[in-house]
């Protein structure tokens, strides 16, 4: 059984995958022997194979290249983009509207609505007031209906049954 949790595939595991793959073992058997999940083996082979061959050196080189590219991606809005987002929030735009507008305007860096919500939460934690411009004041959505067929929290009386509805119709017809 593979260990729980996420771990990067190391060079040692890559060399183990190469040896086991060259022995024509299935991905499931490779995963068992390497001590990682089958999906991790499948992903590793798909991402880092060159043609039909899987090489530890090539796989390691591709993984390092991907990792270096991922580090350069900014995680939060900065500079003019941050100012633009702040202005839109202060105009009471929703994060979804802001994200959609940035995509339409083809900004050099597009930001998801989740990132904008994260930005608003961090602003609130630092004493900012941007959260007050959200439609629900930054409160999380609460379902009106619960599981098990129960009625919503606003109504203390259950809905009328068919029988009571039928008697109301009869009364109205008389």
C-alpha atoms as a PDB file:
ATOM      1  CA  UNK A   1       0.000   0.000   0.000  1.00  0.00           C
ATOM      2  CA  UNK A   2       1.302   3.451  -0.924  1.00  0.00           C
ATOM      3  CA  UNK A   3       2.016   5.950   1.870  1.00  0.00           C
ATOM      4  CA  UNK A   4      -0.658   8.565   2.598  1.00  0.00           C
ATOM      5  CA  UNK A   5      -0.107  12.199   1.673  1.00  0.00           C
ATOM      6  CA  UNK A   6       1.554  13.913  -1.238  1.00  0.00           C
ATOM      7  CA  UNK A   7       5.290  13.681  -1.842  1.00  0.00           C
ATOM      8  CA  UNK A   8       7.351  14.712  -4.846  1.00  0.00           C
ATOM      9  CA  UNK A   9       8.733  11.854  -6.881  1.00  0.00           C
ATOM     10  CA  UNK A  10      12.455  11.772  -6.089  1.00  0.00           C
ATOM     11  CA  UNK A  11      15.350  10.825  -8.351  1.00  0.00           C
ATOM     12  CA  UNK A  12      15.655   7.495  -6.499  1.00  0.00           C
ATOM     13  CA  UNK A  13      12.018   6.658  -7.182  1.00  0.00           C
ATOM     14  CA  UNK A  14      12.451   7.711 -10.823  1.00  0.00           C
ATOM     15  CA  UNK A  15      15.394   5.331 -11.244  1.00  0.00           C
ATOM     16  CA  UNK A  16      13.319   2.598  -9.592  1.00  0.00           C
ATOM     17  CA  UNK A  17      10.458   3.299 -12.028  1.00  0.00           C
ATOM     18  CA  UNK A  18      12.875   3.118 -14.973  1.00  0.00           C
ATOM     19  CA  UNK A  19      14.269  -0.280 -13.908  1.00  0.00           C
ATOM     20  CA  UNK A  20      10.833  -1.746 -13.140  1.00  0.00           C
ATOM     21  CA  UNK A  21       9.301  -0.347 -16.357  1.00  0.00           C
ATOM     22  CA  UNK A  22      12.111  -1.856 -18.436  1.00  0.00           C
ATOM     23  CA  UNK A  23      11.219  -5.207 -16.776  1.00  0.00           C
ATOM     24  CA  UNK A  24       7.724  -4.822 -18.343  1.00  0.00           C
ATOM     25  CA  UNK A  25       5.934  -4.682 -14.976  1.00  0.00           C
ATOM     26  CA  UNK A  26       2.485  -3.119 -14.791  1.00  0.00           C
ATOM     27  CA  UNK A  27       2.084   0.350 -13.315  1.00  0.00           C
ATOM     28  CA  UNK A  28       0.284  -1.200 -10.340  1.00  0.00           C
ATOM     29  CA  UNK A  29       3.260  -3.520  -9.616  1.00  0.00           C
ATOM     30  CA  UNK A  30       5.710  -0.616 -10.097  1.00  0.00           C
ATOM     31  CA  UNK A  31       3.693   1.460  -7.603  1.00  0.00           C
ATOM     32  CA  UNK A  32       3.697  -1.357  -5.040  1.00  0.00           C
ATOM     33  CA  UNK A  33       7.461  -1.902  -5.315  1.00  0.00           C
ATOM     34  CA  UNK A  34       8.278   1.851  -5.328  1.00  0.00           C
ATOM     35  CA  UNK A  35       5.931   2.583  -2.423  1.00  0.00           C
ATOM     36  CA  UNK A  36       3.895   5.256  -4.224  1.00  0.00           C
ATOM     37  CA  UNK A  37       0.360   5.323  -5.627  1.00  0.00           C
ATOM     38  CA  UNK A  38      -0.446   3.942  -9.049  1.00  0.00           C
ATOM     39  CA  UNK A  39      -1.751   7.341 -10.161  1.00  0.00           C
ATOM     40  CA  UNK A  40       1.617   8.901  -9.235  1.00  0.00           C
ATOM     41  CA  UNK A  41       3.422   6.299 -11.375  1.00  0.00           C
ATOM     42  CA  UNK A  42       1.013   6.862 -14.260  1.00  0.00           C
ATOM     43  CA  UNK A  43       1.386  10.650 -14.004  1.00  0.00           C
ATOM     44  CA  UNK A  44       5.182  10.414 -13.763  1.00  0.00           C
ATOM     45  CA  UNK A  45       5.433   8.211 -16.862  1.00  0.00           C
ATOM     46  CA  UNK A  46       2.976  10.355 -18.854  1.00  0.00           C
ATOM     47  CA  UNK A  47       4.665  13.652 -17.955  1.00  0.00           C
ATOM     48  CA  UNK A  48       8.270  12.642 -18.252  1.00  0.00           C
ATOM     49  CA  UNK A  49       8.523   9.988 -20.955  1.00  0.00           C
ATOM     50  CA  UNK A  50      10.189  10.850 -24.208  1.00  0.00           C
ATOM     51  CA  UNK A  51       8.331   8.869 -26.836  1.00  0.00           C
ATOM     52  CA  UNK A  52       7.953   5.298 -25.555  1.00  0.00           C
ATOM     53  CA  UNK A  53      11.071   5.433 -23.386  1.00  0.00           C
ATOM     54  CA  UNK A  54      11.233   6.458 -19.745  1.00  0.00           C
ATOM     55  CA  UNK A  55      14.642   7.704 -18.674  1.00  0.00           C
ATOM     56  CA  UNK A  56      15.564   8.852 -15.169  1.00  0.00           C
ATOM     57  CA  UNK A  57      17.812  11.624 -16.514  1.00  0.00           C
ATOM     58  CA  UNK A  58      15.198  13.010 -18.901  1.00  0.00           C
ATOM     59  CA  UNK A  59      12.427  12.676 -16.307  1.00  0.00           C
ATOM     60  CA  UNK A  60      14.513  14.480 -13.689  1.00  0.00           C
ATOM     61  CA  UNK A  61      15.399  17.258 -16.143  1.00  0.00           C
ATOM     62  CA  UNK A  62      11.729  17.781 -17.143  1.00  0.00           C
ATOM     63  CA  UNK A  63      10.581  17.804 -13.500  1.00  0.00           C
ATOM     64  CA  UNK A  64      13.203  20.379 -12.483  1.00  0.00           C
ATOM     65  CA  UNK A  65      12.257  22.547 -15.470  1.00  0.00           C
ATOM     66  CA  UNK A  66       8.543  22.419 -14.538  1.00  0.00           C
ATOM     67  CA  UNK A  67       9.329  23.229 -10.914  1.00  0.00           C
ATOM     68  CA  UNK A  68      11.463  26.246 -11.871  1.00  0.00           C
ATOM     69  CA  UNK A  69       8.667  27.597 -14.078  1.00  0.00           C
ATOM     70  CA  UNK A  70       6.091  27.163 -11.305  1.00  0.00           C
ATOM     71  CA  UNK A  71       8.184  29.182  -8.842  1.00  0.00           C
ATOM     72  CA  UNK A  72       8.079  32.270 -11.085  1.00  0.00           C
ATOM     73  CA  UNK A  73       4.275  32.485 -11.127  1.00  0.00           C
ATOM     74  CA  UNK A  74       3.117  35.266  -8.777  1.00  0.00           C
ATOM     75  CA  UNK A  75       0.732  33.992  -6.127  1.00  0.00           C
ATOM     76  CA  UNK A  76      -1.014  37.257  -5.336  1.00  0.00           C
ATOM     77  CA  UNK A  77      -1.900  40.387  -7.313  1.00  0.00           C
ATOM     78  CA  UNK A  78       0.797  43.075  -7.269  1.00  0.00           C
ATOM     79  CA  UNK A  79       1.299  46.622  -8.517  1.00  0.00           C
ATOM     80  CA  UNK A  80      -1.223  48.002 -11.005  1.00  0.00           C
ATOM     81  CA  UNK A  81      -3.255  44.801 -10.949  1.00  0.00           C
ATOM     82  CA  UNK A  82      -3.695  45.056  -7.182  1.00  0.00           C
ATOM     83  CA  UNK A  83      -4.819  48.680  -7.536  1.00  0.00           C
ATOM     84  CA  UNK A  84      -7.274  47.765 -10.283  1.00  0.00           C
ATOM     85  CA  UNK A  85      -8.740  44.932  -8.190  1.00  0.00           C
ATOM     86  CA  UNK A  86      -9.005  47.204  -5.138  1.00  0.00           C
ATOM     87  CA  UNK A  87     -10.805  49.897  -7.192  1.00  0.00           C
ATOM     88  CA  UNK A  88     -13.296  47.370  -8.558  1.00  0.00           C
ATOM     89  CA  UNK A  89     -13.991  45.949  -5.090  1.00  0.00           C
ATOM     90  CA  UNK A  90     -14.588  49.483  -3.784  1.00  0.00           C
ATOM     91  CA  UNK A  91     -17.119  49.939  -6.629  1.00  0.00           C
ATOM     92  CA  UNK A  92     -18.913  46.896  -5.132  1.00  0.00           C
ATOM     93  CA  UNK A  93     -18.006  44.534  -7.943  1.00  0.00           C
ATOM     94  CA  UNK A  94     -17.984  40.853  -7.024  1.00  0.00           C
ATOM     95  CA  UNK A  95     -14.707  38.911  -7.334  1.00  0.00           C
ATOM     96  CA  UNK A  96     -16.325  36.867 -10.141  1.00  0.00           C
ATOM     97  CA  UNK A  97     -17.112  40.068 -12.059  1.00  0.00           C
ATOM     98  CA  UNK A  98     -13.573  41.387 -11.553  1.00  0.00           C
ATOM     99  CA  UNK A  99     -11.988  38.143 -12.712  1.00  0.00           C
ATOM    100  CA  UNK A 100     -14.254  38.020 -15.774  1.00  0.00           C
ATOM    101  CA  UNK A 101     -13.505  41.655 -16.660  1.00  0.00           C
ATOM    102  CA  UNK A 102      -9.745  41.077 -16.409  1.00  0.00           C
ATOM    103  CA  UNK A 103     -10.068  38.124 -18.794  1.00  0.00           C
ATOM    104  CA  UNK A 104     -12.082  40.227 -21.260  1.00  0.00           C
ATOM    105  CA  UNK A 105      -9.551  43.057 -21.117  1.00  0.00           C
ATOM    106  CA  UNK A 106      -6.764  40.503 -21.695  1.00  0.00           C
ATOM    107  CA  UNK A 107      -4.646  41.673 -18.810  1.00  0.00           C
ATOM    108  CA  UNK A 108      -1.092  40.285 -18.785  1.00  0.00           C
ATOM    109  CA  UNK A 109      -1.908  38.453 -15.558  1.00  0.00           C
ATOM    110  CA  UNK A 110      -5.380  37.017 -15.062  1.00  0.00           C
ATOM    111  CA  UNK A 111      -6.509  36.349 -11.502  1.00  0.00           C
ATOM    112  CA  UNK A 112      -9.159  33.828 -10.439  1.00  0.00           C
ATOM    113  CA  UNK A 113     -12.046  34.849  -8.214  1.00  0.00           C
ATOM    114  CA  UNK A 114     -10.683  32.538  -5.492  1.00  0.00           C
ATOM    115  CA  UNK A 115      -7.441  34.549  -5.446  1.00  0.00           C
ATOM    116  CA  UNK A 116      -9.445  37.772  -5.113  1.00  0.00           C
ATOM    117  CA  UNK A 117     -11.425  36.314  -2.196  1.00  0.00           C
ATOM    118  CA  UNK A 118      -8.114  35.258  -0.586  1.00  0.00           C
ATOM    119  CA  UNK A 119      -6.812  38.820  -1.088  1.00  0.00           C
ATOM    120  CA  UNK A 120      -9.944  40.253   0.589  1.00  0.00           C
ATOM    121  CA  UNK A 121      -9.626  37.844   3.539  1.00  0.00           C
ATOM    122  CA  UNK A 122      -5.957  38.770   4.057  1.00  0.00           C
ATOM    123  CA  UNK A 123      -6.898  42.459   3.853  1.00  0.00           C
ATOM    124  CA  UNK A 124      -9.541  41.879   6.551  1.00  0.00           C
ATOM    125  CA  UNK A 125      -7.035  40.015   8.746  1.00  0.00           C
ATOM    126  CA  UNK A 126      -4.707  43.036   8.462  1.00  0.00           C
ATOM    127  CA  UNK A 127      -7.469  45.428   9.547  1.00  0.00           C
ATOM    128  CA  UNK A 128      -8.703  46.393   6.071  1.00  0.00           C
ATOM    129  CA  UNK A 129     -12.318  47.057   5.160  1.00  0.00           C
ATOM    130  CA  UNK A 130     -12.547  45.576   1.653  1.00  0.00           C
ATOM    131  CA  UNK A 131     -14.718  42.715   2.910  1.00  0.00           C
ATOM    132  CA  UNK A 132     -17.501  45.222   3.600  1.00  0.00           C
ATOM    133  CA  UNK A 133     -17.868  45.771  -0.151  1.00  0.00           C
ATOM    134  CA  UNK A 134     -18.808  42.140  -0.733  1.00  0.00           C
ATOM    135  CA  UNK A 135     -22.523  41.525  -1.225  1.00  0.00           C
ATOM    136  CA  UNK A 136     -22.750  39.346   1.864  1.00  0.00           C
ATOM    137  CA  UNK A 137     -20.082  41.094   3.890  1.00  0.00           C
ATOM    138  CA  UNK A 138     -17.661  38.231   3.372  1.00  0.00           C
ATOM    139  CA  UNK A 139     -19.916  35.736   5.133  1.00  0.00           C
ATOM    140  CA  UNK A 140     -19.868  32.202   3.823  1.00  0.00           C
ATOM    141  CA  UNK A 141     -22.911  30.742   2.092  1.00  0.00           C
ATOM    142  CA  UNK A 142     -25.258  28.819   4.360  1.00  0.00           C
ATOM    143  CA  UNK A 143     -27.643  26.290   2.840  1.00  0.00           C
ATOM    144  CA  UNK A 144     -31.310  26.875   3.536  1.00  0.00           C
ATOM    145  CA  UNK A 145     -32.194  23.186   3.362  1.00  0.00           C
ATOM    146  CA  UNK A 146     -30.583  20.559   5.508  1.00  0.00           C
ATOM    147  CA  UNK A 147     -30.166  16.869   4.832  1.00  0.00           C
ATOM    148  CA  UNK A 148     -32.857  14.379   5.705  1.00  0.00           C
ATOM    149  CA  UNK A 149     -35.811  16.218   4.187  1.00  0.00           C
ATOM    150  CA  UNK A 150     -35.986  18.853   6.912  1.00  0.00           C
ATOM    151  CA  UNK A 151     -37.428  22.261   6.162  1.00  0.00           C
ATOM    152  CA  UNK A 152     -35.481  25.467   5.857  1.00  0.00           C
ATOM    153  CA  UNK A 153     -34.513  27.443   8.946  1.00  0.00           C
ATOM    154  CA  UNK A 154     -36.842  30.355   8.141  1.00  0.00           C
ATOM    155  CA  UNK A 155     -39.982  28.265   8.406  1.00  0.00           C
ATOM    156  CA  UNK A 156     -40.937  26.778  11.752  1.00  0.00           C
ATOM    157  CA  UNK A 157     -44.078  25.163  10.290  1.00  0.00           C
ATOM    158  CA  UNK A 158     -43.752  22.241   7.878  1.00  0.00           C
ATOM    159  CA  UNK A 159     -45.249  22.620   4.427  1.00  0.00           C
ATOM    160  CA  UNK A 160     -48.926  21.642   4.178  1.00  0.00           C
ATOM    161  CA  UNK A 161     -49.629  18.110   3.151  1.00  0.00           C
ATOM    162  CA  UNK A 162     -51.747  17.206   0.139  1.00  0.00           C
ATOM    163  CA  UNK A 163     -54.700  16.471   2.364  1.00  0.00           C
ATOM    164  CA  UNK A 164     -54.777  19.893   3.968  1.00  0.00           C
ATOM    165  CA  UNK A 165     -54.299  21.527   0.570  1.00  0.00           C
ATOM    166  CA  UNK A 166     -57.274  19.559  -0.788  1.00  0.00           C
ATOM    167  CA  UNK A 167     -59.520  20.693   2.046  1.00  0.00           C
ATOM    168  CA  UNK A 168     -58.586  24.293   1.358  1.00  0.00           C
ATOM    169  CA  UNK A 169     -59.657  23.884  -2.271  1.00  0.00           C
ATOM    170  CA  UNK A 170     -62.989  22.380  -1.241  1.00  0.00           C
ATOM    171  CA  UNK A 171     -63.663  25.261   1.147  1.00  0.00           C
ATOM    172  CA  UNK A 172     -62.913  27.788  -1.580  1.00  0.00           C
ATOM    173  CA  UNK A 173     -65.334  26.095  -4.029  1.00  0.00           C
ATOM    174  CA  UNK A 174     -68.343  26.196  -1.641  1.00  0.00           C
END
